[in-house]
Amino acid sequence: MGQNRGMKAYLGLYTARIETKAQSLKEKRALIRPTLERLKARFPVSVARLHGLDAWHYEVVGISLLGNDPAWVEETLRAAARFLEENGPFRVALGAFYLEAYDLDGLV
């Protein structure tokens, strides 16, 4: 047990406000969903639609990743964010990164 002291899990989160020129919710979903599906297929991340679900012109999405290496978590999350910004038929207007460390001392 002593050799595992200081073990941590790192949770990375990227949130983005995506803006579209969609004229309906159906059109907005058709613009955003394929890019989010490709993102999930390419990177080991989870994706959630967080806000603006009833708005035609924008949506806030969250991309998260959990791991034991903070550099890998941040690098992978930043690569996923770049993919989102470069591969969607929309504009990423705002984005924010968060990285939190969680102690695993009571578990290992």
N, C-alpha and C. Protein backbone atom coordinates (compact mmCIF):
# COMPACT_ATOMS: atom_id res chain seq x y z
N MET A 1 0.83 -1.19 0.00
CA MET A 1 0.00 0.00 0.00
C MET A 1 0.87 1.26 0.00
N GLY A 2 2.03 1.23 0.68
CA GLY A 2 2.89 2.39 0.79
C GLY A 2 3.43 2.87 -0.55
N GLN A 3 3.69 1.95 -1.50
CA GLN A 3 4.26 2.36 -2.79
C GLN A 3 3.24 3.09 -3.66
N ASN A 4 1.97 3.04 -3.38
CA ASN A 4 0.95 3.69 -4.18
C ASN A 4 0.53 5.05 -3.63
N ARG A 5 1.18 5.52 -2.58
CA ARG A 5 0.80 6.80 -2.00
C ARG A 5 0.99 7.90 -3.03
N GLY A 6 0.07 8.82 -3.06
CA GLY A 6 0.16 9.91 -4.00
C GLY A 6 -0.43 9.60 -5.36
N MET A 7 -1.06 8.45 -5.51
CA MET A 7 -1.70 8.10 -6.78
C MET A 7 -2.84 9.07 -7.05
N LYS A 8 -2.94 9.50 -8.30
CA LYS A 8 -3.98 10.46 -8.67
C LYS A 8 -4.64 10.06 -9.97
N ALA A 9 -5.86 10.50 -10.13
CA ALA A 9 -6.57 10.41 -11.40
C ALA A 9 -6.75 11.85 -11.88
N TYR A 10 -6.65 12.05 -13.18
CA TYR A 10 -6.76 13.39 -13.75
C TYR A 10 -7.96 13.43 -14.69
N LEU A 11 -8.82 14.41 -14.44
CA LEU A 11 -10.01 14.60 -15.25
C LEU A 11 -9.84 15.87 -16.07
N GLY A 12 -9.87 15.71 -17.37
CA GLY A 12 -9.78 16.85 -18.27
C GLY A 12 -11.14 17.15 -18.86
N LEU A 13 -11.45 18.43 -18.98
CA LEU A 13 -12.73 18.85 -19.55
C LEU A 13 -12.48 20.02 -20.49
N TYR A 14 -13.07 19.94 -21.67
CA TYR A 14 -13.05 21.05 -22.62
C TYR A 14 -14.51 21.38 -22.93
N THR A 15 -14.88 22.62 -22.75
CA THR A 15 -16.22 23.05 -23.11
C THR A 15 -16.11 24.04 -24.27
N ALA A 16 -17.07 23.95 -25.18
CA ALA A 16 -17.03 24.80 -26.36
C ALA A 16 -18.43 25.28 -26.72
N ARG A 17 -18.51 26.53 -27.09
CA ARG A 17 -19.76 27.08 -27.65
C ARG A 17 -19.63 27.00 -29.16
N ILE A 18 -20.49 26.21 -29.77
CA ILE A 18 -20.49 26.01 -31.22
C ILE A 18 -21.60 26.87 -31.81
N GLU A 19 -21.28 27.64 -32.83
CA GLU A 19 -22.27 28.49 -33.50
C GLU A 19 -22.47 28.01 -34.93
N THR A 20 -23.74 27.96 -35.34
CA THR A 20 -24.08 27.50 -36.69
C THR A 20 -24.98 28.52 -37.37
N LYS A 21 -25.17 28.31 -38.65
CA LYS A 21 -26.12 29.14 -39.41
C LYS A 21 -27.40 28.34 -39.68
N ALA A 22 -27.65 27.35 -38.87
CA ALA A 22 -28.82 26.48 -39.04
C ALA A 22 -30.11 27.28 -38.89
N GLN A 23 -31.12 26.83 -39.60
CA GLN A 23 -32.43 27.47 -39.55
C GLN A 23 -33.47 26.62 -38.81
N SER A 24 -33.03 25.47 -38.29
CA SER A 24 -33.92 24.62 -37.51
C SER A 24 -33.08 23.74 -36.59
N LEU A 25 -33.74 23.15 -35.60
CA LEU A 25 -33.04 22.23 -34.70
C LEU A 25 -32.54 21.00 -35.45
N LYS A 26 -33.35 20.51 -36.38
CA LYS A 26 -32.98 19.35 -37.18
C LYS A 26 -31.72 19.64 -38.00
N GLU A 27 -31.67 20.81 -38.60
CA GLU A 27 -30.50 21.20 -39.39
C GLU A 27 -29.26 21.34 -38.49
N LYS A 28 -29.45 21.93 -37.30
CA LYS A 28 -28.33 22.09 -36.37
C LYS A 28 -27.77 20.73 -35.97
N ARG A 29 -28.64 19.80 -35.62
CA ARG A 29 -28.19 18.45 -35.26
C ARG A 29 -27.44 17.79 -36.41
N ALA A 30 -27.93 17.99 -37.63
CA ALA A 30 -27.29 17.40 -38.81
C ALA A 30 -25.91 18.00 -39.05
N LEU A 31 -25.68 19.22 -38.61
CA LEU A 31 -24.38 19.86 -38.75
C LEU A 31 -23.41 19.41 -37.65
N ILE A 32 -23.91 19.28 -36.43
CA ILE A 32 -23.05 19.03 -35.27
C ILE A 32 -22.80 17.55 -35.01
N ARG A 33 -23.84 16.76 -35.07
CA ARG A 33 -23.74 15.34 -34.67
C ARG A 33 -22.66 14.55 -35.42
N PRO A 34 -22.55 14.63 -36.75
CA PRO A 34 -21.52 13.83 -37.43
C PRO A 34 -20.09 14.16 -36.96
N THR A 35 -19.82 15.42 -36.70
CA THR A 35 -18.49 15.80 -36.24
C THR A 35 -18.24 15.24 -34.84
N LEU A 36 -19.24 15.30 -33.95
CA LEU A 36 -19.08 14.74 -32.61
C LEU A 36 -18.88 13.24 -32.66
N GLU A 37 -19.57 12.55 -33.56
CA GLU A 37 -19.40 11.09 -33.70
C GLU A 37 -18.00 10.76 -34.20
N ARG A 38 -17.49 11.51 -35.18
CA ARG A 38 -16.12 11.29 -35.67
C ARG A 38 -15.10 11.57 -34.56
N LEU A 39 -15.37 12.59 -33.75
CA LEU A 39 -14.49 12.93 -32.63
C LEU A 39 -14.41 11.76 -31.66
N LYS A 40 -15.55 11.18 -31.31
CA LYS A 40 -15.57 10.05 -30.36
C LYS A 40 -14.90 8.81 -30.95
N ALA A 41 -14.98 8.65 -32.27
CA ALA A 41 -14.35 7.50 -32.91
C ALA A 41 -12.83 7.65 -32.97
N ARG A 42 -12.36 8.87 -33.04
CA ARG A 42 -10.93 9.14 -33.21
C ARG A 42 -10.17 9.29 -31.89
N PHE A 43 -10.84 9.77 -30.85
CA PHE A 43 -10.19 10.04 -29.57
C PHE A 43 -10.90 9.29 -28.44
N PRO A 44 -10.17 8.92 -27.37
CA PRO A 44 -10.79 8.20 -26.24
C PRO A 44 -11.49 9.17 -25.28
N VAL A 45 -12.51 9.86 -25.77
CA VAL A 45 -13.19 10.89 -24.99
C VAL A 45 -14.68 10.61 -24.89
N SER A 46 -15.31 11.26 -23.94
CA SER A 46 -16.77 11.28 -23.84
C SER A 46 -17.22 12.67 -24.26
N VAL A 47 -18.38 12.73 -24.91
CA VAL A 47 -18.91 14.00 -25.41
C VAL A 47 -20.35 14.14 -24.93
N ALA A 48 -20.69 15.34 -24.49
CA ALA A 48 -22.07 15.61 -24.05
C ALA A 48 -22.52 16.95 -24.62
N ARG A 49 -23.77 17.00 -25.01
CA ARG A 49 -24.41 18.26 -25.40
C ARG A 49 -24.95 18.86 -24.11
N LEU A 50 -24.46 20.06 -23.75
CA LEU A 50 -24.73 20.60 -22.42
C LEU A 50 -25.78 21.71 -22.37
N HIS A 51 -25.83 22.55 -23.38
CA HIS A 51 -26.71 23.71 -23.33
C HIS A 51 -27.04 24.16 -24.75
N GLY A 52 -28.14 24.87 -24.89
CA GLY A 52 -28.55 25.38 -26.19
C GLY A 52 -29.24 24.33 -27.04
N LEU A 53 -29.75 23.29 -26.41
CA LEU A 53 -30.37 22.21 -27.16
C LEU A 53 -31.61 22.66 -27.91
N ASP A 54 -32.28 23.68 -27.41
CA ASP A 54 -33.49 24.20 -28.06
C ASP A 54 -33.22 25.43 -28.91
N ALA A 55 -31.97 25.81 -29.07
CA ALA A 55 -31.61 26.97 -29.88
C ALA A 55 -31.12 26.51 -31.25
N TRP A 56 -31.43 27.25 -32.27
CA TRP A 56 -31.03 26.87 -33.62
C TRP A 56 -29.59 27.27 -33.93
N HIS A 57 -29.15 28.36 -33.38
CA HIS A 57 -27.89 28.96 -33.83
C HIS A 57 -26.66 28.62 -32.97
N TYR A 58 -26.83 27.97 -31.84
CA TYR A 58 -25.66 27.62 -31.03
C TYR A 58 -25.95 26.41 -30.15
N GLU A 59 -24.86 25.85 -29.64
CA GLU A 59 -24.94 24.75 -28.68
C GLU A 59 -23.64 24.73 -27.90
N VAL A 60 -23.70 24.35 -26.63
CA VAL A 60 -22.49 24.17 -25.83
C VAL A 60 -22.28 22.67 -25.66
N VAL A 61 -21.06 22.22 -25.98
CA VAL A 61 -20.73 20.81 -25.82
C VAL A 61 -19.57 20.68 -24.83
N GLY A 62 -19.49 19.53 -24.21
CA GLY A 62 -18.39 19.22 -23.31
C GLY A 62 -17.69 17.95 -23.76
N ILE A 63 -16.38 17.97 -23.69
CA ILE A 63 -15.57 16.80 -24.03
C ILE A 63 -14.75 16.48 -22.79
N SER A 64 -14.80 15.24 -22.34
CA SER A 64 -14.08 14.88 -21.11
C SER A 64 -13.20 13.65 -21.33
N LEU A 65 -12.19 13.55 -20.47
CA LEU A 65 -11.23 12.46 -20.55
C LEU A 65 -10.66 12.23 -19.15
N LEU A 66 -10.53 10.98 -18.77
CA LEU A 66 -10.00 10.60 -17.46
C LEU A 66 -8.77 9.73 -17.67
N GLY A 67 -7.70 10.00 -16.92
CA GLY A 67 -6.49 9.20 -17.04
C GLY A 67 -5.58 9.38 -15.84
N ASN A 68 -4.46 8.64 -15.85
CA ASN A 68 -3.52 8.72 -14.73
C ASN A 68 -2.28 9.55 -15.06
N ASP A 69 -2.20 10.10 -16.26
CA ASP A 69 -1.06 10.92 -16.68
C ASP A 69 -1.59 12.29 -17.11
N PRO A 70 -1.32 13.34 -16.34
CA PRO A 70 -1.89 14.65 -16.66
C PRO A 70 -1.43 15.19 -18.02
N ALA A 71 -0.20 14.91 -18.42
CA ALA A 71 0.29 15.39 -19.72
C ALA A 71 -0.48 14.73 -20.86
N TRP A 72 -0.72 13.41 -20.75
CA TRP A 72 -1.48 12.70 -21.78
C TRP A 72 -2.92 13.20 -21.84
N VAL A 73 -3.54 13.39 -20.67
CA VAL A 73 -4.92 13.88 -20.63
C VAL A 73 -5.01 15.24 -21.33
N GLU A 74 -4.12 16.16 -20.98
CA GLU A 74 -4.17 17.49 -21.58
C GLU A 74 -3.86 17.45 -23.08
N GLU A 75 -2.83 16.71 -23.47
CA GLU A 75 -2.46 16.63 -24.88
C GLU A 75 -3.59 16.03 -25.73
N THR A 76 -4.19 14.96 -25.24
CA THR A 76 -5.28 14.31 -25.98
C THR A 76 -6.50 15.21 -26.07
N LEU A 77 -6.83 15.88 -24.97
CA LEU A 77 -7.98 16.77 -24.96
C LEU A 77 -7.77 17.97 -25.90
N ARG A 78 -6.56 18.51 -25.91
CA ARG A 78 -6.26 19.63 -26.81
C ARG A 78 -6.32 19.18 -28.28
N ALA A 79 -5.87 17.97 -28.57
CA ALA A 79 -5.96 17.44 -29.93
C ALA A 79 -7.43 17.26 -30.33
N ALA A 80 -8.25 16.78 -29.41
CA ALA A 80 -9.68 16.62 -29.68
C ALA A 80 -10.34 17.98 -29.93
N ALA A 81 -9.95 18.99 -29.16
CA ALA A 81 -10.49 20.34 -29.34
C ALA A 81 -10.10 20.89 -30.70
N ARG A 82 -8.83 20.67 -31.12
CA ARG A 82 -8.39 21.11 -32.45
C ARG A 82 -9.19 20.42 -33.54
N PHE A 83 -9.42 19.13 -33.36
CA PHE A 83 -10.22 18.38 -34.33
C PHE A 83 -11.61 18.99 -34.46
N LEU A 84 -12.24 19.30 -33.33
CA LEU A 84 -13.56 19.90 -33.34
C LEU A 84 -13.54 21.24 -34.09
N GLU A 85 -12.54 22.06 -33.80
CA GLU A 85 -12.45 23.38 -34.41
C GLU A 85 -12.17 23.31 -35.91
N GLU A 86 -11.42 22.31 -36.35
CA GLU A 86 -10.98 22.24 -37.75
C GLU A 86 -11.87 21.39 -38.65
N ASN A 87 -12.73 20.55 -38.09
CA ASN A 87 -13.45 19.58 -38.92
C ASN A 87 -14.96 19.74 -38.94
N GLY A 88 -15.49 20.73 -38.28
CA GLY A 88 -16.95 20.88 -38.26
C GLY A 88 -17.42 21.97 -39.20
N PRO A 89 -18.64 21.83 -39.71
CA PRO A 89 -19.23 22.88 -40.54
C PRO A 89 -19.89 23.95 -39.66
N PHE A 90 -19.16 24.41 -38.68
CA PHE A 90 -19.64 25.37 -37.70
C PHE A 90 -18.43 26.12 -37.17
N ARG A 91 -18.67 27.08 -36.32
CA ARG A 91 -17.60 27.88 -35.72
C ARG A 91 -17.57 27.62 -34.23
N VAL A 92 -16.38 27.33 -33.68
CA VAL A 92 -16.21 27.24 -32.24
C VAL A 92 -15.92 28.65 -31.76
N ALA A 93 -16.93 29.27 -31.13
CA ALA A 93 -16.83 30.68 -30.73
C ALA A 93 -16.04 30.86 -29.44
N LEU A 94 -16.24 29.97 -28.50
CA LEU A 94 -15.56 30.03 -27.20
C LEU A 94 -15.17 28.63 -26.79
N GLY A 95 -14.03 28.51 -26.13
CA GLY A 95 -13.61 27.22 -25.62
C GLY A 95 -12.85 27.41 -24.32
N ALA A 96 -12.95 26.44 -23.43
CA ALA A 96 -12.24 26.52 -22.15
C ALA A 96 -11.78 25.12 -21.75
N PHE A 97 -10.55 25.04 -21.22
CA PHE A 97 -9.97 23.79 -20.75
C PHE A 97 -9.91 23.79 -19.23
N TYR A 98 -10.13 22.61 -18.65
CA TYR A 98 -10.01 22.42 -17.20
C TYR A 98 -9.29 21.09 -16.98
N LEU A 99 -8.42 21.05 -15.98
CA LEU A 99 -7.76 19.81 -15.60
C LEU A 99 -7.75 19.73 -14.09
N GLU A 100 -8.35 18.69 -13.55
CA GLU A 100 -8.45 18.51 -12.10
C GLU A 100 -7.77 17.21 -11.71
N ALA A 101 -7.11 17.21 -10.56
CA ALA A 101 -6.48 16.01 -10.02
C ALA A 101 -7.31 15.50 -8.84
N TYR A 102 -7.46 14.19 -8.76
CA TYR A 102 -8.22 13.56 -7.68
C TYR A 102 -7.34 12.50 -7.02
N ASP A 103 -7.24 12.56 -5.69
CA ASP A 103 -6.46 11.60 -4.91
C ASP A 103 -7.11 10.23 -4.94
N LEU A 104 -6.28 9.20 -5.11
CA LEU A 104 -6.76 7.82 -5.06
C LEU A 104 -6.23 7.08 -3.84
N ASP A 105 -5.66 7.82 -2.89
CA ASP A 105 -5.00 7.20 -1.74
C ASP A 105 -5.90 6.24 -0.97
N GLY A 106 -7.16 6.51 -0.86
CA GLY A 106 -8.05 5.62 -0.12
C GLY A 106 -8.47 4.40 -0.92
N LEU A 107 -8.15 4.37 -2.21
CA LEU A 107 -8.60 3.27 -3.06
C LEU A 107 -7.51 2.26 -3.41
N VAL A 108 -6.27 2.68 -3.36
CA VAL A 108 -5.18 1.77 -3.79
C VAL A 108 -4.30 1.41 -2.62
